[in-house]
Structures are given as structure tokens and as C-alpha cells.
Protein backbone atom coordinates (compact mmCIF):
# COMPACT_ATOMS: atom_id res chain seq x y z
CA UNK A 1 15.58 62.12 -112.53
CA UNK A 2 14.49 61.54 -108.92
CA UNK A 3 11.03 62.22 -107.49
CA UNK A 4 12.31 65.13 -105.43
CA UNK A 5 13.61 66.96 -108.51
CA UNK A 6 10.18 66.65 -110.19
CA UNK A 7 8.35 68.22 -107.23
CA UNK A 8 7.73 71.93 -107.06
CA UNK A 9 6.93 74.45 -104.35
CA UNK A 10 3.35 74.37 -103.03
CA UNK A 11 0.85 76.70 -104.71
CA UNK A 12 -1.05 77.29 -101.47
CA UNK A 13 0.21 78.24 -98.04
CA UNK A 14 -0.16 75.51 -95.43
CA UNK A 15 -2.47 77.78 -93.40
CA UNK A 16 -4.84 78.18 -96.37
CA UNK A 17 -5.02 74.42 -96.83
CA UNK A 18 -5.80 73.95 -93.13
CA UNK A 19 -8.63 76.53 -93.27
CA UNK A 20 -10.05 75.03 -96.48
CA UNK A 21 -9.87 71.58 -94.94
CA UNK A 22 -11.59 72.67 -91.72
CA UNK A 23 -14.43 74.45 -93.56
CA UNK A 24 -15.03 71.52 -95.90
CA UNK A 25 -14.94 69.01 -93.05
CA UNK A 26 -17.43 71.05 -91.01
CA UNK A 27 -19.94 70.81 -93.84
CA UNK A 28 -19.19 67.09 -94.24
CA UNK A 29 -19.61 66.45 -90.51
CA UNK A 30 -23.12 67.89 -90.70
CA UNK A 31 -23.94 65.82 -93.78
CA UNK A 32 -22.53 62.64 -92.21
CA UNK A 33 -24.45 63.12 -88.98
CA UNK A 34 -27.68 63.74 -90.88
CA UNK A 35 -27.23 60.66 -93.07
CA UNK A 36 -26.23 58.52 -90.07
CA UNK A 37 -29.31 59.72 -88.20
CA UNK A 38 -31.56 58.87 -91.13
CA UNK A 39 -30.04 55.37 -91.24
CA UNK A 40 -29.79 54.49 -87.53
CA UNK A 41 -32.51 56.73 -86.09
CA UNK A 42 -30.52 57.54 -82.94
CA UNK A 43 -28.95 60.96 -82.30
CA UNK A 44 -26.15 59.65 -80.08
CA UNK A 45 -25.09 56.97 -82.55
CA UNK A 46 -25.35 59.43 -85.44
CA UNK A 47 -23.08 61.92 -83.65
CA UNK A 48 -20.53 59.21 -82.89
CA UNK A 49 -20.50 57.95 -86.47
CA UNK A 50 -20.38 61.44 -87.95
CA UNK A 51 -17.61 62.72 -85.71
CA UNK A 52 -15.29 59.71 -85.76
CA UNK A 53 -15.44 59.15 -89.50
CA UNK A 54 -14.84 62.83 -90.16
CA UNK A 55 -11.76 63.06 -87.95
CA UNK A 56 -10.22 60.26 -90.00
CA UNK A 57 -11.35 61.81 -93.28
CA UNK A 58 -9.98 65.24 -92.30
CA UNK A 59 -6.51 63.89 -91.65
CA UNK A 60 -6.61 61.87 -94.85
CA UNK A 61 -7.77 64.84 -96.93
CA UNK A 62 -5.09 67.12 -95.53
CA UNK A 63 -2.33 64.68 -96.44
CA UNK A 64 -3.85 64.07 -99.87
CA UNK A 65 -4.11 67.80 -100.59
CA UNK A 66 -0.52 68.46 -99.51
CA UNK A 67 0.77 65.61 -101.65
CA UNK A 68 -1.02 66.76 -104.79
CA UNK A 69 0.06 70.35 -104.18
CA UNK A 70 3.67 69.22 -104.62
CA UNK A 71 3.20 67.26 -107.83
CA UNK A 72 3.80 69.24 -111.01
CA UNK A 73 1.97 66.77 -113.28
CA UNK A 74 -0.94 68.40 -115.09
CA UNK A 75 -0.19 71.97 -114.08
């Protein structure tokens, strides 16, 4: 049996996943900027660190969520 035949339809609409991802990432951006500021002590550096890392993490999370939404294992 091929991988495609073991996959199922997504449980969540793509739009819902995008909104969930955006809300979660907004919270995580704030946390990252705060932690970066506490470590480096510079607002500009903290903003750069917080924003860049969270753009990468947002794209990674979206792909991860979509992949797991298509795997029937454990459901």
C-alpha cells in the first residue's frame, strides 16, 4: 500500500490552520523578542532576532501542521 493511499483528507480547513499559525506565532514573536532583549540588552538586536527567527519558525510550523493533518496514524 502506497503512502498516498494511507493519507486522509485534512481535518481542518487551510484557512483555520493559517489563522491558528498566525496567532500562535504572534505570541511567540513577543516571547522571543523579550527573551532576546533580556539576553542581549539591545532593543534593535532583540527585534531583529525575534522577527527573523519567527518568520522561519512560522513557515516550518505551517508545513509541519499540514503534514500531520494528512497522516491517519493515531487518529
